[in-house]
C-alpha atoms as a PDB file:
ATOM      1  CA  UNK A   1       0.000   0.000   0.000  1.00  0.00           C
ATOM      2  CA  UNK A   2       1.421   3.391  -0.954  1.00  0.00           C
ATOM      3  CA  UNK A   3       1.021   6.524   1.060  1.00  0.00           C
ATOM      4  CA  UNK A   4      -0.761   9.485  -0.510  1.00  0.00           C
ATOM      5  CA  UNK A   5       1.183  11.937   1.652  1.00  0.00           C
ATOM      6  CA  UNK A   6       4.051  13.732  -0.002  1.00  0.00           C
ATOM      7  CA  UNK A   7       7.361  13.647   1.784  1.00  0.00           C
ATOM      8  CA  UNK A   8       9.086  16.868   2.718  1.00  0.00           C
ATOM      9  CA  UNK A   9      12.588  17.547   1.497  1.00  0.00           C
ATOM     10  CA  UNK A  10      15.251  16.847   4.083  1.00  0.00           C
ATOM     11  CA  UNK A  11      17.277  19.853   5.175  1.00  0.00           C
ATOM     12  CA  UNK A  12      20.853  19.711   4.028  1.00  0.00           C
ATOM     13  CA  UNK A  13      23.437  20.037   6.763  1.00  0.00           C
ATOM     14  CA  UNK A  14      26.231  21.070   4.453  1.00  0.00           C
ATOM     15  CA  UNK A  15      28.681  23.576   5.882  1.00  0.00           C
ATOM     16  CA  UNK A  16      28.314  27.096   4.552  1.00  0.00           C
ATOM     17  CA  UNK A  17      30.971  28.728   2.447  1.00  0.00           C
ATOM     18  CA  UNK A  18      32.381  30.435   5.527  1.00  0.00           C
ATOM     19  CA  UNK A  19      33.059  27.326   7.569  1.00  0.00           C
ATOM     20  CA  UNK A  20      34.113  27.349  11.188  1.00  0.00           C
ATOM     21  CA  UNK A  21      37.673  26.403  12.064  1.00  0.00           C
ATOM     22  CA  UNK A  22      37.357  23.275  14.267  1.00  0.00           C
ATOM     23  CA  UNK A  23      40.584  24.030  16.163  1.00  0.00           C
ATOM     24  CA  UNK A  24      39.394  27.537  17.008  1.00  0.00           C
ATOM     25  CA  UNK A  25      35.957  26.289  18.082  1.00  0.00           C
ATOM     26  CA  UNK A  26      37.568  23.563  20.177  1.00  0.00           C
ATOM     27  CA  UNK A  27      39.701  26.072  22.056  1.00  0.00           C
ATOM     28  CA  UNK A  28      36.672  28.370  22.548  1.00  0.00           C
ATOM     29  CA  UNK A  29      34.659  25.488  24.012  1.00  0.00           C
ATOM     30  CA  UNK A  30      37.524  24.536  26.328  1.00  0.00           C
ATOM     31  CA  UNK A  31      37.853  28.151  27.521  1.00  0.00           C
ATOM     32  CA  UNK A  32      34.109  28.300  28.202  1.00  0.00           C
ATOM     33  CA  UNK A  33      34.103  25.014  30.128  1.00  0.00           C
ATOM     34  CA  UNK A  34      37.075  26.213  32.170  1.00  0.00           C
ATOM     35  CA  UNK A  35      35.100  29.334  33.108  1.00  0.00           C
ATOM     36  CA  UNK A  36      37.418  31.681  31.231  1.00  0.00           C
ATOM     37  CA  UNK A  37      34.711  33.068  28.895  1.00  0.00           C
ATOM     38  CA  UNK A  38      30.930  33.438  28.884  1.00  0.00           C
ATOM     39  CA  UNK A  39      30.472  31.266  25.768  1.00  0.00           C
ATOM     40  CA  UNK A  40      29.205  34.020  23.471  1.00  0.00           C
ATOM     41  CA  UNK A  41      31.908  33.402  20.865  1.00  0.00           C
ATOM     42  CA  UNK A  42      31.177  29.671  20.853  1.00  0.00           C
ATOM     43  CA  UNK A  43      27.459  30.206  20.238  1.00  0.00           C
ATOM     44  CA  UNK A  44      28.183  32.721  17.492  1.00  0.00           C
ATOM     45  CA  UNK A  45      30.660  30.389  15.812  1.00  0.00           C
ATOM     46  CA  UNK A  46      28.210  27.488  15.882  1.00  0.00           C
ATOM     47  CA  UNK A  47      24.847  29.169  15.241  1.00  0.00           C
ATOM     48  CA  UNK A  48      25.381  32.644  13.770  1.00  0.00           C
ATOM     49  CA  UNK A  49      24.707  31.377  10.241  1.00  0.00           C
ATOM     50  CA  UNK A  50      21.071  30.496  11.072  1.00  0.00           C
ATOM     51  CA  UNK A  51      20.096  33.745  12.788  1.00  0.00           C
ATOM     52  CA  UNK A  52      18.891  35.260   9.515  1.00  0.00           C
ATOM     53  CA  UNK A  53      16.521  32.391   8.746  1.00  0.00           C
ATOM     54  CA  UNK A  54      12.803  33.159   9.080  1.00  0.00           C
ATOM     55  CA  UNK A  55      10.764  31.552  11.846  1.00  0.00           C
ATOM     56  CA  UNK A  56       8.301  29.060  10.287  1.00  0.00           C
ATOM     57  CA  UNK A  57       4.674  30.176  10.447  1.00  0.00           C
ATOM     58  CA  UNK A  58       3.635  26.955  12.213  1.00  0.00           C
ATOM     59  CA  UNK A  59       6.098  27.710  15.038  1.00  0.00           C
ATOM     60  CA  UNK A  60       4.880  31.313  15.282  1.00  0.00           C
ATOM     61  CA  UNK A  61       1.293  30.045  15.562  1.00  0.00           C
ATOM     62  CA  UNK A  62       2.269  27.523  18.234  1.00  0.00           C
ATOM     63  CA  UNK A  63       4.060  30.150  20.312  1.00  0.00           C
ATOM     64  CA  UNK A  64       1.073  32.489  20.169  1.00  0.00           C
ATOM     65  CA  UNK A  65      -1.197  29.920  21.877  1.00  0.00           C
END
């Protein structure tokens, strides 16, 4: 039996053109865990590239409830 529902495309987790240097991120994480920094640079290095993405309407609707 085949499903009539269409599948959604899977998000690609390819690194962006401005990739993060793993050695730099590693040292930033170690500094944060040692209490030497507040972790802001680590979060920016890991997640800054998604901050410009729009919030899906379904999530906006859910948060309004």
